[in-house]
Protein backbone atom coordinates (compact mmCIF):
# COMPACT_ATOMS: atom_id res chain seq x y z
CA ASP A 1 -166.16 5.79 -44.31
CA SER A 2 -162.40 5.28 -43.88
CA GLU A 3 -159.97 6.47 -41.25
CA ILE A 4 -156.90 6.36 -43.49
CA ALA A 5 -156.73 7.70 -47.03
CA SER A 6 -153.93 8.88 -49.27
CA ILE A 7 -153.33 10.28 -52.72
CA LEU A 8 -150.05 9.37 -54.41
CA LEU A 9 -149.02 11.13 -57.61
CA ILE A 10 -146.33 10.29 -60.12
CA GLY A 11 -143.57 12.90 -60.10
CA HIS A 12 -141.32 14.03 -62.93
CA ASP A 13 -138.90 11.27 -61.92
CA GLY A 14 -141.57 8.59 -62.42
CA LYS A 15 -141.78 7.84 -58.68
CA LEU A 16 -144.98 7.76 -56.64
CA ARG A 17 -145.13 10.08 -53.62
CA ILE A 18 -147.88 10.82 -51.13
CA THR A 19 -149.17 14.32 -51.82
CA HIS A 20 -152.21 14.28 -49.50
CA ALA A 21 -153.10 11.98 -46.63
CA VAL A 22 -155.46 11.59 -43.70
CA GLY A 23 -154.67 9.30 -40.79
CA LEU A 24 -151.04 8.60 -41.70
CA PRO A 25 -148.05 9.70 -39.61
CA ASP A 26 -146.11 12.68 -41.02
CA ASP A 27 -142.93 10.62 -41.44
CA VAL A 28 -144.77 8.04 -43.56
CA VAL A 29 -146.18 10.80 -45.77
CA LYS A 30 -142.77 12.46 -46.13
CA ASP A 31 -140.68 9.30 -46.63
CA THR A 32 -142.90 7.20 -48.90
CA VAL A 33 -141.43 6.91 -52.41
CA LEU A 34 -142.51 4.01 -54.64
CA ASP A 35 -141.61 2.76 -58.09
CA LYS A 36 -144.21 1.61 -60.58
CA GLY A 37 -144.98 -2.01 -59.76
CA GLU A 38 -143.85 -1.65 -56.14
CA ALA A 39 -146.34 -2.44 -53.37
CA ILE A 40 -150.08 -2.08 -53.90
CA SER A 41 -150.00 1.51 -55.17
CA GLY A 42 -147.23 0.77 -57.65
CA HIS A 43 -149.14 -2.30 -58.84
CA VAL A 44 -152.24 -0.17 -59.48
CA VAL A 45 -150.18 2.39 -61.43
CA GLU A 46 -148.46 -0.31 -63.47
CA THR A 47 -151.64 -2.23 -64.32
CA GLY A 48 -154.03 0.72 -64.40
CA THR A 49 -156.55 -1.45 -62.58
CA ALA A 50 -158.29 -0.76 -59.27
CA VAL A 51 -157.92 -3.35 -56.53
CA LEU A 52 -160.30 -4.32 -53.77
CA ILE A 53 -158.40 -6.33 -51.19
CA GLN A 54 -160.47 -8.32 -48.73
CA ASP A 55 -157.49 -9.64 -46.73
CA ILE A 56 -154.00 -8.31 -47.50
CA GLU A 57 -152.33 -11.29 -45.84
CA ALA A 58 -154.26 -13.82 -47.94
CA ASP A 59 -154.29 -11.95 -51.27
CA PRO A 60 -152.02 -13.90 -53.68
CA ARG A 61 -150.99 -10.69 -55.48
CA PHE A 62 -149.46 -9.11 -52.39
CA GLN A 63 -149.26 -11.69 -49.55
CA ARG A 64 -147.69 -9.50 -46.96
CA ARG A 65 -148.17 -8.99 -43.26
CA ASN A 66 -150.71 -6.32 -42.43
CA HIS A 67 -149.13 -3.17 -40.98
CA GLU A 68 -150.12 -2.53 -37.34
CA ARG A 69 -151.61 0.89 -38.17
CA TYR A 70 -154.29 -0.92 -40.20
CA TYR A 71 -156.75 -2.67 -37.89
CA THR A 72 -158.62 -4.12 -40.85
CA HIS A 73 -156.92 -6.28 -43.46
CA SER A 74 -159.06 -4.78 -46.22
CA ALA A 75 -158.09 -1.93 -48.53
CA ILE A 76 -158.99 -0.22 -51.80
CA SER A 77 -156.52 1.28 -54.26
CA VAL A 78 -157.77 3.06 -57.38
CA PRO A 79 -155.86 4.67 -60.26
CA VAL A 80 -156.28 8.38 -61.00
CA ARG A 81 -156.38 8.98 -64.76
CA ILE A 82 -156.00 12.21 -66.66
CA HIS A 83 -156.84 11.83 -70.36
CA GLY A 84 -156.51 8.05 -70.08
CA ARG A 85 -153.03 8.16 -68.54
CA VAL A 86 -152.55 6.96 -64.96
CA THR A 87 -151.08 9.86 -62.98
CA GLY A 88 -151.58 8.60 -59.45
CA VAL A 89 -153.48 6.45 -56.98
CA ILE A 90 -156.08 6.91 -54.24
CA ASN A 91 -155.85 4.47 -51.33
CA VAL A 92 -158.32 3.90 -48.49
CA ASN A 93 -157.87 1.72 -45.42
CA ASN A 94 -159.44 1.14 -42.01
CA LYS A 95 -163.15 1.14 -42.72
CA ARG A 96 -164.81 2.59 -39.61
CA THR A 97 -167.23 -0.34 -39.37
CA ARG A 98 -164.18 -2.64 -39.23
CA GLN A 99 -165.79 -4.73 -41.96
CA PRO A 100 -164.03 -5.56 -45.24
CA TYR A 101 -164.63 -3.18 -48.13
CA ARG A 102 -167.28 -4.19 -50.64
CA GLU A 103 -167.80 -3.62 -54.36
CA GLU A 104 -169.98 -0.55 -53.70
CA ASP A 105 -167.11 0.95 -51.67
CA LEU A 106 -164.80 0.36 -54.62
CA ARG A 107 -167.26 2.07 -57.00
CA LEU A 108 -167.47 5.08 -54.67
CA VAL A 109 -163.67 5.46 -54.53
CA GLU A 110 -163.53 5.12 -58.33
CA ALA A 111 -166.06 7.96 -58.63
CA ILE A 112 -163.99 10.07 -56.23
CA ALA A 113 -160.88 9.31 -58.29
CA GLY A 114 -162.68 10.63 -61.37
CA HIS A 115 -163.47 13.90 -59.61
CA ALA A 116 -159.92 14.10 -58.23
CA ALA A 117 -158.56 13.67 -61.76
CA VAL A 118 -160.60 16.63 -62.98
CA ALA A 119 -159.38 18.77 -60.05
CA LEU A 120 -155.75 17.73 -60.62
CA PHE A 121 -155.99 18.44 -64.33
CA ASN A 122 -157.43 21.89 -63.63
CA ALA A 123 -154.67 22.60 -61.09
CA GLN A 124 -152.01 21.53 -63.61
CA ARG A 125 -153.56 23.75 -66.27
CA TYR A 126 -153.65 26.67 -63.85
CA GLU A 127 -149.96 26.18 -62.94
CA GLU A 128 -149.03 25.93 -66.63
CA THR A 129 -151.01 29.08 -67.45
CA LEU A 130 -149.39 30.92 -64.56
CA ARG A 131 -145.92 29.77 -65.68
CA ARG A 132 -146.62 30.92 -69.24
CA ALA A 133 -147.90 34.26 -68.01
CA GLN A 134 -144.76 34.86 -65.96
CA CYS A 135 -142.05 33.48 -68.25
CA ASP A 136 -140.82 34.37 -71.70
CA SER A 137 -141.67 31.51 -74.04
CA LEU A 138 -138.38 31.82 -75.96
CA THR A 139 -135.88 32.15 -73.13
CA GLY A 140 -137.82 30.72 -70.19
CA LEU A 141 -136.74 33.74 -68.14
CA ALA A 142 -139.10 35.70 -65.90
CA ASN A 143 -140.93 38.45 -67.78
CA HIS A 144 -142.09 41.98 -67.01
CA GLY A 145 -145.30 40.83 -65.28
CA HIS A 146 -143.36 38.46 -63.02
CA PHE A 147 -140.98 41.29 -62.12
CA TRP A 148 -143.85 43.47 -60.92
CA SER A 149 -145.49 40.73 -58.87
CA VAL A 150 -142.18 39.83 -57.18
CA LEU A 151 -141.39 43.51 -56.61
CA HIS A 152 -144.78 43.97 -54.91
CA VAL A 153 -144.08 41.05 -52.53
CA GLU A 154 -140.57 42.31 -51.75
CA LEU A 155 -141.81 45.85 -51.07
CA GLN A 156 -144.33 44.46 -48.59
CA ARG A 157 -141.61 42.38 -46.92
CA ALA A 158 -139.27 45.38 -46.66
CA ALA A 159 -142.06 47.46 -45.09
CA ARG A 160 -143.03 44.66 -42.69
CA TYR A 161 -139.45 44.30 -41.39
CA SER A 162 -138.60 48.02 -41.68
CA ARG A 163 -135.77 47.26 -44.06
CA GLU A 164 -134.49 49.06 -47.10
CA LEU A 165 -134.84 47.54 -50.53
CA ALA A 166 -132.61 48.05 -53.53
CA VAL A 167 -133.56 47.16 -57.09
CA VAL A 168 -131.03 46.76 -59.87
CA VAL A 169 -132.31 46.50 -63.43
CA VAL A 170 -129.97 45.41 -66.21
CA ASP A 171 -130.98 45.49 -69.85
CA ILE A 172 -129.15 42.60 -71.53
CA ASP A 173 -129.92 43.75 -75.07
């Protein structure tokens, strides 16, 4: 049971960013951008290996001062893999019992990471399917179906704000 947890995913630019977090300040979530190999999360992405840290200040891999928001010096960081490729990291800190994390805690977070990977993969597939359904595969431009869904939203907006709406259709053939 942890008070702080975060999921960092690798973006198109290869950088790690926090996409979901509990117990972290909004500015930390918004401003955190890491390279592979940087800090604990970047290390986990680069090596593809989970880490169980008993004492961050004594761990020879990281040897850094513990941040004041973490009242325990123990943490777990686990890679998230989709089809064998590391796509992100799950971190947990501040065990509610204030005791260091143990191997069974690590195994639990690894199991959660496996479930998160499945959910992320399904979300990516959904987004890809939606994109394909709304865009022409040859030109990449929005298609007829996308036009109708956008038109529906804009008609609702015009009605909600009592505004007029004009539509211009140009056939580029």
